[in-house]
Amino acid sequence: ISATVTDTSSGVGIVEYSTDNSSWTRLQNASANSFTATWNTTTFSNNQTVTLYARASDNINNNASLKINVTVDNEVPGIIVLSSLTGNLSGNVQLQVNASDSYSGINLGNVKYSVADLSGALGCTGNNHSSTCSAVLDTTRLQDGNHTLIFSVTDNAGNLNTSSVEIRTKNMQPSISISEPANNAFIRGTTLIR
């Protein structure tokens, strides 16, 4: 919890918060007019609306108060990889996941992938409670070999979930050359090819 409190005459005395308007917890002075405290929201149910009360007093006992409503969401969003990413991958590969969240909803701009030193966002269709998200991965930008591809989704409450898939990229084509017989050579009988 962060609060900004100002008092230009006598200065700020005490800043507190409560979730029931009866037992109060003091916020610590973080800097000039900024006060903070940690609040364990796991004692409340998901999707529960909680009234958060705040009050402040200055050094001559003038008081101010306010209240806001917040909704608790401690559930991580769901993520299911839909793409088939088996075998040797080459060229452009379609990445696709289903992202879901029951309470605050998916942050549709924060569904991402990363692999080696590449990362990007997946575009989502659907709504913020269930969406299919996709992107194209250019595997030629990766070295051939094994990699861990990580998908991540964040909900609007800031909860993060990840899912990883092991992939193998193979873009280098085999090379072939014939040194004997030479191109356009005349040959006869049994000929050695190498």
N, C-alpha and C. Protein backbone atom coordinates (compact mmCIF):
# COMPACT_ATOMS: atom_id res chain seq x y z
N ILE A 1 0.86 -1.17 0.00
CA ILE A 1 0.00 0.00 0.00
C ILE A 1 0.90 1.23 0.00
N SER A 2 0.60 2.16 -0.86
CA SER A 2 1.34 3.42 -0.92
C SER A 2 0.36 4.57 -0.78
N ALA A 3 0.73 5.56 0.01
CA ALA A 3 -0.12 6.74 0.20
C ALA A 3 0.76 7.98 0.17
N THR A 4 0.20 9.02 -0.38
CA THR A 4 0.87 10.32 -0.37
C THR A 4 0.08 11.23 0.56
N VAL A 5 0.76 11.79 1.56
CA VAL A 5 0.10 12.65 2.55
C VAL A 5 0.92 13.93 2.67
N THR A 6 0.26 15.06 2.60
CA THR A 6 0.95 16.34 2.76
C THR A 6 0.27 17.18 3.84
N ASP A 7 1.07 17.92 4.55
CA ASP A 7 0.59 18.91 5.53
C ASP A 7 1.64 19.99 5.59
N THR A 8 1.32 21.16 5.06
CA THR A 8 2.32 22.23 4.96
C THR A 8 2.45 23.06 6.24
N SER A 9 1.54 22.88 7.21
CA SER A 9 1.64 23.70 8.41
C SER A 9 2.38 22.97 9.53
N SER A 10 1.81 21.97 10.14
CA SER A 10 2.47 21.32 11.29
C SER A 10 3.22 20.05 10.94
N GLY A 11 3.03 19.54 9.71
CA GLY A 11 3.70 18.30 9.30
C GLY A 11 2.83 17.08 9.56
N VAL A 12 3.12 16.01 8.86
CA VAL A 12 2.35 14.78 8.97
C VAL A 12 2.76 14.04 10.23
N GLY A 13 1.76 13.56 10.98
CA GLY A 13 2.02 12.79 12.19
C GLY A 13 1.95 11.30 11.94
N ILE A 14 0.75 10.77 11.82
CA ILE A 14 0.55 9.32 11.68
C ILE A 14 -0.30 9.04 10.45
N VAL A 15 0.08 7.97 9.71
CA VAL A 15 -0.71 7.50 8.57
C VAL A 15 -0.98 6.02 8.81
N GLU A 16 -2.26 5.61 8.71
CA GLU A 16 -2.65 4.23 9.01
C GLU A 16 -3.65 3.72 7.97
N TYR A 17 -3.76 2.37 7.90
CA TYR A 17 -4.79 1.78 7.06
C TYR A 17 -5.50 0.67 7.83
N SER A 18 -6.70 0.33 7.35
CA SER A 18 -7.49 -0.73 7.96
C SER A 18 -8.36 -1.38 6.88
N THR A 19 -8.68 -2.65 7.08
CA THR A 19 -9.61 -3.32 6.16
C THR A 19 -10.96 -3.54 6.83
N ASP A 20 -11.10 -3.17 8.09
CA ASP A 20 -12.37 -3.34 8.79
C ASP A 20 -12.83 -2.07 9.51
N ASN A 21 -12.07 -1.00 9.39
CA ASN A 21 -12.34 0.29 10.01
C ASN A 21 -12.31 0.24 11.54
N SER A 22 -11.63 -0.78 12.10
CA SER A 22 -11.51 -0.84 13.56
C SER A 22 -10.08 -1.14 14.01
N SER A 23 -9.40 -2.08 13.39
CA SER A 23 -7.99 -2.31 13.75
C SER A 23 -7.12 -1.67 12.67
N TRP A 24 -6.17 -0.87 13.11
CA TRP A 24 -5.39 -0.03 12.20
C TRP A 24 -3.92 -0.45 12.20
N THR A 25 -3.28 -0.34 11.02
CA THR A 25 -1.86 -0.64 10.86
C THR A 25 -1.18 0.61 10.34
N ARG A 26 -0.05 0.91 10.94
CA ARG A 26 0.68 2.13 10.59
C ARG A 26 1.46 1.95 9.30
N LEU A 27 1.43 2.95 8.45
CA LEU A 27 2.26 3.01 7.25
C LEU A 27 3.57 3.68 7.61
N GLN A 28 4.66 3.20 7.03
CA GLN A 28 5.98 3.75 7.32
C GLN A 28 6.31 4.88 6.35
N ASN A 29 7.01 5.87 6.84
CA ASN A 29 7.42 6.99 6.01
C ASN A 29 8.55 6.54 5.11
N ALA A 30 8.28 6.46 3.80
CA ALA A 30 9.28 6.00 2.83
C ALA A 30 10.14 7.15 2.31
N SER A 31 9.55 8.30 2.12
CA SER A 31 10.27 9.50 1.68
C SER A 31 9.37 10.70 2.00
N ALA A 32 9.77 11.87 1.58
CA ALA A 32 9.11 13.13 1.94
C ALA A 32 7.62 13.00 2.29
N ASN A 33 6.77 12.75 1.32
CA ASN A 33 5.33 12.68 1.57
C ASN A 33 4.77 11.30 1.25
N SER A 34 5.63 10.33 1.16
CA SER A 34 5.23 9.00 0.74
C SER A 34 5.28 8.02 1.92
N PHE A 35 4.20 7.25 2.07
CA PHE A 35 4.08 6.29 3.16
C PHE A 35 3.71 4.93 2.56
N THR A 36 4.29 3.85 3.10
CA THR A 36 4.02 2.52 2.56
C THR A 36 3.82 1.50 3.68
N ALA A 37 3.15 0.41 3.30
CA ALA A 37 2.97 -0.75 4.19
C ALA A 37 2.69 -1.95 3.30
N THR A 38 2.95 -3.13 3.83
CA THR A 38 2.58 -4.35 3.11
C THR A 38 1.28 -4.88 3.69
N TRP A 39 0.48 -5.48 2.81
CA TRP A 39 -0.83 -5.98 3.20
C TRP A 39 -0.96 -7.40 2.66
N ASN A 40 -1.18 -8.36 3.52
CA ASN A 40 -1.33 -9.75 3.12
C ASN A 40 -2.77 -9.99 2.66
N THR A 41 -2.97 -9.97 1.36
CA THR A 41 -4.33 -10.13 0.81
C THR A 41 -4.77 -11.59 0.76
N THR A 42 -3.87 -12.53 1.06
CA THR A 42 -4.25 -13.95 1.00
C THR A 42 -5.21 -14.35 2.11
N THR A 43 -5.45 -13.47 3.08
CA THR A 43 -6.43 -13.77 4.12
C THR A 43 -7.85 -13.52 3.64
N PHE A 44 -8.00 -13.01 2.42
CA PHE A 44 -9.31 -12.76 1.83
C PHE A 44 -9.53 -13.73 0.67
N SER A 45 -10.77 -13.96 0.33
CA SER A 45 -11.12 -14.85 -0.79
C SER A 45 -10.87 -14.15 -2.12
N ASN A 46 -10.55 -14.95 -3.15
CA ASN A 46 -10.45 -14.40 -4.49
C ASN A 46 -11.79 -13.83 -4.90
N ASN A 47 -11.73 -12.71 -5.60
CA ASN A 47 -12.90 -12.00 -6.11
C ASN A 47 -13.71 -11.32 -5.00
N GLN A 48 -13.15 -11.25 -3.79
CA GLN A 48 -13.81 -10.56 -2.69
C GLN A 48 -13.50 -9.07 -2.77
N THR A 49 -14.53 -8.26 -2.68
CA THR A 49 -14.33 -6.81 -2.64
C THR A 49 -14.06 -6.41 -1.19
N VAL A 50 -12.97 -5.67 -1.01
CA VAL A 50 -12.56 -5.24 0.32
C VAL A 50 -12.52 -3.72 0.34
N THR A 51 -13.07 -3.14 1.38
CA THR A 51 -12.97 -1.69 1.56
C THR A 51 -11.68 -1.42 2.33
N LEU A 52 -10.83 -0.61 1.73
CA LEU A 52 -9.56 -0.23 2.34
C LEU A 52 -9.71 1.20 2.87
N TYR A 53 -9.56 1.33 4.17
CA TYR A 53 -9.68 2.63 4.84
C TYR A 53 -8.28 3.19 5.10
N ALA A 54 -8.12 4.49 4.96
CA ALA A 54 -6.86 5.16 5.29
C ALA A 54 -7.18 6.42 6.07
N ARG A 55 -6.29 6.71 7.02
CA ARG A 55 -6.45 7.94 7.78
C ARG A 55 -5.08 8.51 8.09
N ALA A 56 -5.05 9.83 8.22
CA ALA A 56 -3.80 10.52 8.54
C ALA A 56 -4.11 11.64 9.50
N SER A 57 -3.14 11.90 10.36
CA SER A 57 -3.27 13.05 11.26
C SER A 57 -1.98 13.85 11.19
N ASP A 58 -2.12 15.15 11.40
CA ASP A 58 -0.91 15.98 11.43
C ASP A 58 -0.44 16.11 12.87
N ASN A 59 0.56 16.92 13.09
CA ASN A 59 1.18 17.03 14.42
C ASN A 59 0.36 17.84 15.42
N ILE A 60 -0.76 18.43 14.99
CA ILE A 60 -1.64 19.13 15.94
C ILE A 60 -3.04 18.48 15.92
N ASN A 61 -3.07 17.20 15.53
CA ASN A 61 -4.27 16.34 15.57
C ASN A 61 -5.41 16.72 14.63
N ASN A 62 -5.10 17.37 13.52
CA ASN A 62 -6.08 17.50 12.45
C ASN A 62 -6.08 16.17 11.71
N ASN A 63 -7.26 15.70 11.29
CA ASN A 63 -7.37 14.37 10.68
C ASN A 63 -7.99 14.43 9.30
N ALA A 64 -7.58 13.47 8.47
CA ALA A 64 -8.18 13.27 7.15
C ALA A 64 -8.34 11.77 6.95
N SER A 65 -9.36 11.38 6.21
CA SER A 65 -9.57 9.95 5.96
C SER A 65 -10.18 9.76 4.58
N LEU A 66 -10.07 8.54 4.09
CA LEU A 66 -10.70 8.16 2.84
C LEU A 66 -10.85 6.66 2.81
N LYS A 67 -11.65 6.18 1.87
CA LYS A 67 -11.78 4.74 1.68
C LYS A 67 -11.91 4.46 0.20
N ILE A 68 -11.40 3.30 -0.19
CA ILE A 68 -11.51 2.83 -1.56
C ILE A 68 -11.89 1.36 -1.52
N ASN A 69 -12.49 0.89 -2.59
CA ASN A 69 -12.80 -0.53 -2.72
C ASN A 69 -11.83 -1.18 -3.69
N VAL A 70 -11.33 -2.35 -3.32
CA VAL A 70 -10.45 -3.13 -4.17
C VAL A 70 -10.98 -4.56 -4.21
N THR A 71 -10.66 -5.27 -5.28
CA THR A 71 -11.07 -6.67 -5.41
C THR A 71 -9.83 -7.54 -5.35
N VAL A 72 -9.87 -8.55 -4.50
CA VAL A 72 -8.72 -9.45 -4.29
C VAL A 72 -8.65 -10.46 -5.43
N ASP A 73 -7.46 -10.64 -5.99
CA ASP A 73 -7.20 -11.67 -7.00
C ASP A 73 -5.79 -12.20 -6.78
N ASN A 74 -5.67 -13.33 -6.13
CA ASN A 74 -4.37 -13.97 -5.92
C ASN A 74 -4.19 -15.21 -6.78
N GLU A 75 -5.13 -15.47 -7.66
CA GLU A 75 -5.04 -16.65 -8.53
C GLU A 75 -4.20 -16.33 -9.77
N VAL A 76 -3.22 -17.21 -10.07
CA VAL A 76 -2.42 -17.00 -11.27
C VAL A 76 -3.27 -17.32 -12.50
N PRO A 77 -3.04 -16.62 -13.59
CA PRO A 77 -3.80 -16.91 -14.80
C PRO A 77 -3.39 -18.27 -15.37
N GLY A 78 -4.28 -18.85 -16.17
CA GLY A 78 -3.99 -20.12 -16.82
C GLY A 78 -3.29 -19.91 -18.15
N ILE A 79 -2.46 -20.87 -18.51
CA ILE A 79 -1.80 -20.82 -19.82
C ILE A 79 -1.65 -22.24 -20.34
N ILE A 80 -2.14 -22.48 -21.55
CA ILE A 80 -2.05 -23.79 -22.19
C ILE A 80 -1.41 -23.59 -23.55
N VAL A 81 -0.33 -24.33 -23.82
CA VAL A 81 0.35 -24.24 -25.12
C VAL A 81 -0.45 -25.06 -26.13
N LEU A 82 -0.87 -24.42 -27.22
CA LEU A 82 -1.66 -25.08 -28.25
C LEU A 82 -0.81 -25.52 -29.44
N SER A 83 0.33 -24.89 -29.65
CA SER A 83 1.18 -25.20 -30.80
C SER A 83 1.81 -26.58 -30.65
N SER A 84 1.94 -27.26 -31.78
CA SER A 84 2.72 -28.49 -31.81
C SER A 84 4.16 -28.11 -32.11
N LEU A 85 5.03 -28.30 -31.14
CA LEU A 85 6.40 -27.82 -31.27
C LEU A 85 7.39 -28.98 -31.17
N THR A 86 7.04 -30.11 -31.74
CA THR A 86 7.88 -31.30 -31.67
C THR A 86 8.72 -31.44 -32.94
N GLY A 87 9.73 -32.28 -32.87
CA GLY A 87 10.60 -32.51 -34.03
C GLY A 87 11.55 -31.36 -34.26
N ASN A 88 12.19 -31.36 -35.42
CA ASN A 88 13.11 -30.28 -35.78
C ASN A 88 12.30 -29.11 -36.35
N LEU A 89 12.41 -27.96 -35.72
CA LEU A 89 11.69 -26.78 -36.18
C LEU A 89 12.62 -25.94 -37.06
N SER A 90 12.05 -25.41 -38.14
CA SER A 90 12.84 -24.57 -39.04
C SER A 90 11.96 -23.47 -39.61
N GLY A 91 12.60 -22.40 -40.06
CA GLY A 91 11.87 -21.29 -40.65
C GLY A 91 10.96 -20.61 -39.66
N ASN A 92 9.82 -20.11 -40.16
CA ASN A 92 8.83 -19.45 -39.31
C ASN A 92 7.92 -20.49 -38.68
N VAL A 93 7.76 -20.43 -37.36
CA VAL A 93 6.94 -21.37 -36.62
C VAL A 93 5.83 -20.61 -35.91
N GLN A 94 4.61 -21.09 -36.05
CA GLN A 94 3.46 -20.47 -35.39
C GLN A 94 3.45 -20.85 -33.91
N LEU A 95 3.42 -19.85 -33.05
CA LEU A 95 3.29 -20.04 -31.60
C LEU A 95 1.86 -19.70 -31.22
N GLN A 96 1.24 -20.56 -30.41
CA GLN A 96 -0.14 -20.29 -30.01
C GLN A 96 -0.40 -20.85 -28.61
N VAL A 97 -1.00 -20.02 -27.77
CA VAL A 97 -1.38 -20.43 -26.42
C VAL A 97 -2.81 -19.98 -26.14
N ASN A 98 -3.43 -20.63 -25.17
CA ASN A 98 -4.69 -20.14 -24.63
C ASN A 98 -4.38 -19.56 -23.26
N ALA A 99 -4.79 -18.32 -23.04
CA ALA A 99 -4.58 -17.65 -21.76
C ALA A 99 -5.95 -17.38 -21.14
N SER A 100 -6.06 -17.65 -19.83
CA SER A 100 -7.35 -17.45 -19.17
C SER A 100 -7.14 -16.93 -17.76
N ASP A 101 -8.15 -16.22 -17.26
CA ASP A 101 -8.12 -15.73 -15.89
C ASP A 101 -9.55 -15.51 -15.43
N SER A 102 -9.89 -16.04 -14.27
CA SER A 102 -11.26 -16.01 -13.77
C SER A 102 -11.65 -14.68 -13.15
N TYR A 103 -10.71 -13.94 -12.58
CA TYR A 103 -11.08 -12.79 -11.76
C TYR A 103 -10.76 -11.46 -12.43
N SER A 104 -9.53 -10.98 -12.32
CA SER A 104 -9.22 -9.65 -12.84
C SER A 104 -9.08 -9.63 -14.36
N GLY A 105 -8.89 -10.79 -14.96
CA GLY A 105 -8.75 -10.86 -16.41
C GLY A 105 -7.30 -10.78 -16.84
N ILE A 106 -7.04 -11.26 -18.04
CA ILE A 106 -5.70 -11.28 -18.62
C ILE A 106 -5.31 -9.87 -19.04
N ASN A 107 -4.07 -9.52 -18.77
CA ASN A 107 -3.52 -8.29 -19.34
C ASN A 107 -3.15 -8.63 -20.77
N LEU A 108 -4.01 -8.33 -21.73
CA LEU A 108 -3.85 -8.78 -23.12
C LEU A 108 -2.57 -8.26 -23.77
N GLY A 109 -1.99 -7.21 -23.24
CA GLY A 109 -0.73 -6.70 -23.77
C GLY A 109 0.48 -7.32 -23.11
N ASN A 110 0.25 -8.30 -22.23
CA ASN A 110 1.36 -8.88 -21.47
C ASN A 110 1.36 -10.40 -21.54
N VAL A 111 1.07 -10.93 -22.74
CA VAL A 111 1.23 -12.36 -23.02
C VAL A 111 2.45 -12.44 -23.92
N LYS A 112 3.51 -13.11 -23.44
CA LYS A 112 4.80 -13.03 -24.11
C LYS A 112 5.45 -14.39 -24.28
N TYR A 113 6.49 -14.42 -25.12
CA TYR A 113 7.34 -15.60 -25.25
C TYR A 113 8.79 -15.16 -25.19
N SER A 114 9.65 -16.07 -24.79
CA SER A 114 11.09 -15.82 -24.85
C SER A 114 11.80 -17.15 -25.09
N VAL A 115 12.87 -17.07 -25.86
CA VAL A 115 13.71 -18.23 -26.15
C VAL A 115 15.09 -17.69 -26.49
N ALA A 116 16.11 -18.24 -25.82
CA ALA A 116 17.48 -17.74 -25.98
C ALA A 116 17.45 -16.22 -25.76
N ASP A 117 17.94 -15.43 -26.72
CA ASP A 117 17.93 -13.98 -26.54
C ASP A 117 16.81 -13.30 -27.34
N LEU A 118 15.83 -14.09 -27.78
CA LEU A 118 14.68 -13.54 -28.49
C LEU A 118 13.47 -13.47 -27.57
N SER A 119 12.67 -12.46 -27.74
CA SER A 119 11.42 -12.38 -26.99
C SER A 119 10.43 -11.54 -27.80
N GLY A 120 9.17 -11.70 -27.48
CA GLY A 120 8.15 -10.94 -28.18
C GLY A 120 6.80 -11.11 -27.53
N ALA A 121 5.85 -10.33 -28.00
CA ALA A 121 4.48 -10.39 -27.50
C ALA A 121 3.64 -11.24 -28.43
N LEU A 122 2.64 -11.89 -27.86
CA LEU A 122 1.67 -12.64 -28.64
C LEU A 122 0.41 -11.79 -28.76
N GLY A 123 -0.14 -11.71 -29.96
CA GLY A 123 -1.39 -10.99 -30.17
C GLY A 123 -2.55 -11.88 -29.75
N CYS A 124 -3.52 -11.32 -29.06
CA CYS A 124 -4.62 -12.12 -28.51
C CYS A 124 -5.95 -11.77 -29.16
N THR A 125 -6.76 -12.80 -29.38
CA THR A 125 -8.14 -12.63 -29.82
C THR A 125 -9.03 -13.29 -28.78
N GLY A 126 -10.16 -12.71 -28.54
CA GLY A 126 -11.05 -13.20 -27.50
C GLY A 126 -11.27 -12.07 -26.51
N ASN A 127 -11.49 -12.43 -25.26
CA ASN A 127 -11.69 -11.40 -24.25
C ASN A 127 -10.66 -11.57 -23.15
N ASN A 128 -10.70 -10.70 -22.14
CA ASN A 128 -9.64 -10.76 -21.13
C ASN A 128 -9.85 -11.89 -20.12
N HIS A 129 -10.88 -12.70 -20.28
CA HIS A 129 -11.04 -13.87 -19.41
C HIS A 129 -10.62 -15.16 -20.12
N SER A 130 -10.64 -15.18 -21.45
CA SER A 130 -10.16 -16.33 -22.21
C SER A 130 -9.81 -15.88 -23.62
N SER A 131 -8.55 -16.06 -23.98
CA SER A 131 -8.08 -15.61 -25.29
C SER A 131 -7.13 -16.61 -25.90
N THR A 132 -7.16 -16.68 -27.22
CA THR A 132 -6.14 -17.41 -27.96
C THR A 132 -5.13 -16.38 -28.43
N CYS A 133 -3.87 -16.62 -28.11
CA CYS A 133 -2.81 -15.65 -28.39
C CYS A 133 -1.77 -16.31 -29.29
N SER A 134 -1.28 -15.57 -30.28
CA SER A 134 -0.35 -16.18 -31.22
C SER A 134 0.71 -15.19 -31.69
N ALA A 135 1.79 -15.77 -32.18
CA ALA A 135 2.91 -15.00 -32.76
C ALA A 135 3.67 -15.94 -33.68
N VAL A 136 4.55 -15.38 -34.47
CA VAL A 136 5.41 -16.18 -35.35
C VAL A 136 6.83 -16.07 -34.84
N LEU A 137 7.47 -17.21 -34.66
CA LEU A 137 8.86 -17.27 -34.23
C LEU A 137 9.72 -17.59 -35.43
N ASP A 138 10.67 -16.71 -35.75
CA ASP A 138 11.63 -16.95 -36.83
C ASP A 138 12.80 -17.75 -36.27
N THR A 139 12.77 -19.07 -36.47
CA THR A 139 13.79 -19.94 -35.88
C THR A 139 15.16 -19.75 -36.51
N THR A 140 15.25 -19.07 -37.66
CA THR A 140 16.57 -18.84 -38.26
C THR A 140 17.38 -17.87 -37.42
N ARG A 141 16.74 -17.18 -36.48
CA ARG A 141 17.46 -16.27 -35.60
C ARG A 141 18.05 -16.98 -34.39
N LEU A 142 17.82 -18.30 -34.30
CA LEU A 142 18.36 -19.12 -33.21
C LEU A 142 19.43 -20.04 -33.76
N GLN A 143 20.39 -20.39 -32.91
CA GLN A 143 21.36 -21.41 -33.31
C GLN A 143 20.65 -22.74 -33.39
N ASP A 144 21.08 -23.60 -34.30
CA ASP A 144 20.52 -24.95 -34.36
C ASP A 144 20.81 -25.66 -33.05
N GLY A 145 19.81 -26.40 -32.56
CA GLY A 145 20.00 -27.15 -31.32
C GLY A 145 18.79 -27.05 -30.42
N ASN A 146 18.98 -27.44 -29.17
CA ASN A 146 17.90 -27.46 -28.17
C ASN A 146 17.77 -26.12 -27.47
N HIS A 147 16.53 -25.72 -27.24
CA HIS A 147 16.23 -24.45 -26.58
C HIS A 147 15.01 -24.63 -25.67
N THR A 148 14.90 -23.78 -24.66
CA THR A 148 13.71 -23.73 -23.82
C THR A 148 12.90 -22.50 -24.22
N LEU A 149 11.69 -22.74 -24.70
CA LEU A 149 10.77 -21.69 -25.10
C LEU A 149 9.83 -21.45 -23.92
N ILE A 150 9.78 -20.21 -23.42
CA ILE A 150 8.97 -19.89 -22.25
C ILE A 150 7.85 -18.93 -22.66
N PHE A 151 6.63 -19.32 -22.31
CA PHE A 151 5.46 -18.46 -22.49
C PHE A 151 5.10 -17.89 -21.13
N SER A 152 4.67 -16.62 -21.10
CA SER A 152 4.24 -16.02 -19.83
C SER A 152 2.97 -15.22 -20.05
N VAL A 153 2.13 -15.22 -19.02
CA VAL A 153 0.90 -14.44 -19.05
C VAL A 153 0.75 -13.77 -17.69
N THR A 154 0.34 -12.50 -17.70
CA THR A 154 0.12 -11.73 -16.49
C THR A 154 -1.33 -11.27 -16.48
N ASP A 155 -1.96 -11.36 -15.31
CA ASP A 155 -3.34 -10.86 -15.23
C ASP A 155 -3.34 -9.40 -14.79
N ASN A 156 -4.52 -8.81 -14.74
CA ASN A 156 -4.63 -7.39 -14.42
C ASN A 156 -4.34 -7.07 -12.96
N ALA A 157 -4.21 -8.10 -12.12
CA ALA A 157 -3.81 -7.89 -10.72
C ALA A 157 -2.29 -8.02 -10.57
N GLY A 158 -1.60 -8.42 -11.64
CA GLY A 158 -0.14 -8.57 -11.58
C GLY A 158 0.33 -9.99 -11.31
N ASN A 159 -0.59 -10.97 -11.23
CA ASN A 159 -0.18 -12.37 -11.04
C ASN A 159 0.41 -12.89 -12.35
N LEU A 160 1.49 -13.65 -12.25
CA LEU A 160 2.23 -14.15 -13.41
C LEU A 160 2.24 -15.67 -13.41
N ASN A 161 2.07 -16.25 -14.60
CA ASN A 161 2.22 -17.69 -14.78
C ASN A 161 3.05 -17.92 -16.03
N THR A 162 3.86 -18.99 -15.99
CA THR A 162 4.69 -19.34 -17.14
C THR A 162 4.51 -20.80 -17.49
N SER A 163 4.80 -21.12 -18.73
CA SER A 163 4.81 -22.50 -19.20
C SER A 163 5.99 -22.62 -20.17
N SER A 164 6.77 -23.68 -20.02
CA SER A 164 7.94 -23.83 -20.89
C SER A 164 7.84 -25.10 -21.71
N VAL A 165 8.44 -25.05 -22.90
CA VAL A 165 8.45 -26.16 -23.84
C VAL A 165 9.87 -26.30 -24.35
N GLU A 166 10.37 -27.52 -24.37
CA GLU A 166 11.68 -27.77 -24.96
C GLU A 166 11.51 -27.92 -26.47
N ILE A 167 12.30 -27.16 -27.24
CA ILE A 167 12.22 -27.24 -28.70
C ILE A 167 13.61 -27.52 -29.27
N ARG A 168 13.61 -27.99 -30.51
CA ARG A 168 14.88 -28.22 -31.24
C ARG A 168 14.76 -27.53 -32.59
N THR A 169 15.73 -26.66 -32.88
CA THR A 169 15.75 -25.96 -34.16
C THR A 169 16.81 -26.58 -35.06
N LYS A 170 16.47 -26.64 -36.35
CA LYS A 170 17.42 -27.18 -37.35
C LYS A 170 17.16 -26.45 -38.65
N ASN A 171 17.94 -25.42 -38.90
CA ASN A 171 17.80 -24.63 -40.11
C ASN A 171 18.95 -24.83 -41.08
N MET A 172 20.10 -25.28 -40.58
CA MET A 172 21.24 -25.47 -41.47
C MET A 172 20.98 -26.69 -42.35
N GLN A 173 21.04 -26.48 -43.65
CA GLN A 173 20.82 -27.56 -44.61
C GLN A 173 22.12 -28.32 -44.82
N PRO A 174 22.02 -29.63 -45.09
CA PRO A 174 23.25 -30.37 -45.36
C PRO A 174 23.88 -29.87 -46.66
N SER A 175 25.19 -29.95 -46.74
CA SER A 175 25.86 -29.56 -47.98
C SER A 175 26.35 -30.81 -48.70
N ILE A 176 26.33 -30.73 -49.99
CA ILE A 176 26.78 -31.88 -50.80
C ILE A 176 27.61 -31.37 -51.96
N SER A 177 28.64 -32.11 -52.26
CA SER A 177 29.44 -31.77 -53.44
C SER A 177 29.97 -33.07 -54.04
N ILE A 178 30.19 -33.06 -55.30
CA ILE A 178 30.79 -34.21 -56.01
C ILE A 178 32.11 -33.72 -56.57
N SER A 179 33.17 -34.37 -56.11
CA SER A 179 34.49 -33.97 -56.61
C SER A 179 34.92 -34.81 -57.80
N GLU A 180 34.34 -36.00 -57.93
CA GLU A 180 34.69 -36.89 -59.04
C GLU A 180 33.47 -37.66 -59.45
N PRO A 181 33.07 -37.74 -60.61
CA PRO A 181 33.64 -37.10 -61.81
C PRO A 181 33.30 -35.61 -61.82
N ALA A 182 34.05 -34.86 -62.56
CA ALA A 182 33.85 -33.41 -62.67
C ALA A 182 32.58 -33.13 -63.46
N ASN A 183 32.02 -31.95 -63.24
CA ASN A 183 30.84 -31.52 -63.98
C ASN A 183 31.15 -31.50 -65.47
N ASN A 184 30.26 -32.03 -66.27
CA ASN A 184 30.36 -32.10 -67.74
C ASN A 184 31.51 -32.99 -68.22
N ALA A 185 32.02 -33.90 -67.35
CA ALA A 185 33.11 -34.80 -67.75
C ALA A 185 32.55 -35.93 -68.62
N PHE A 186 33.43 -36.53 -69.43
CA PHE A 186 33.08 -37.74 -70.18
C PHE A 186 33.49 -38.91 -69.30
N ILE A 187 32.60 -39.88 -69.15
CA ILE A 187 32.92 -41.04 -68.31
C ILE A 187 32.68 -42.31 -69.11
N ARG A 188 33.27 -43.49 -68.61
CA ARG A 188 33.06 -44.76 -69.27
C ARG A 188 33.10 -45.87 -68.25
N GLY A 189 32.50 -46.98 -68.56
CA GLY A 189 32.54 -48.17 -67.72
C GLY A 189 32.07 -47.88 -66.28
N THR A 190 32.71 -48.52 -65.33
CA THR A 190 32.43 -48.30 -63.93
C THR A 190 33.24 -47.11 -63.45
N THR A 191 32.53 -46.12 -62.84
CA THR A 191 33.18 -44.87 -62.46
C THR A 191 33.05 -44.66 -60.98
N LEU A 192 34.11 -44.21 -60.35
CA LEU A 192 34.12 -43.87 -58.95
C LEU A 192 33.48 -42.51 -58.75
N ILE A 193 32.54 -42.45 -57.79
CA ILE A 193 31.89 -41.18 -57.46
C ILE A 193 32.30 -40.82 -56.04
N ARG A 194 32.83 -39.63 -55.88
CA ARG A 194 33.14 -39.15 -54.54
C ARG A 194 33.04 -37.65 -54.46
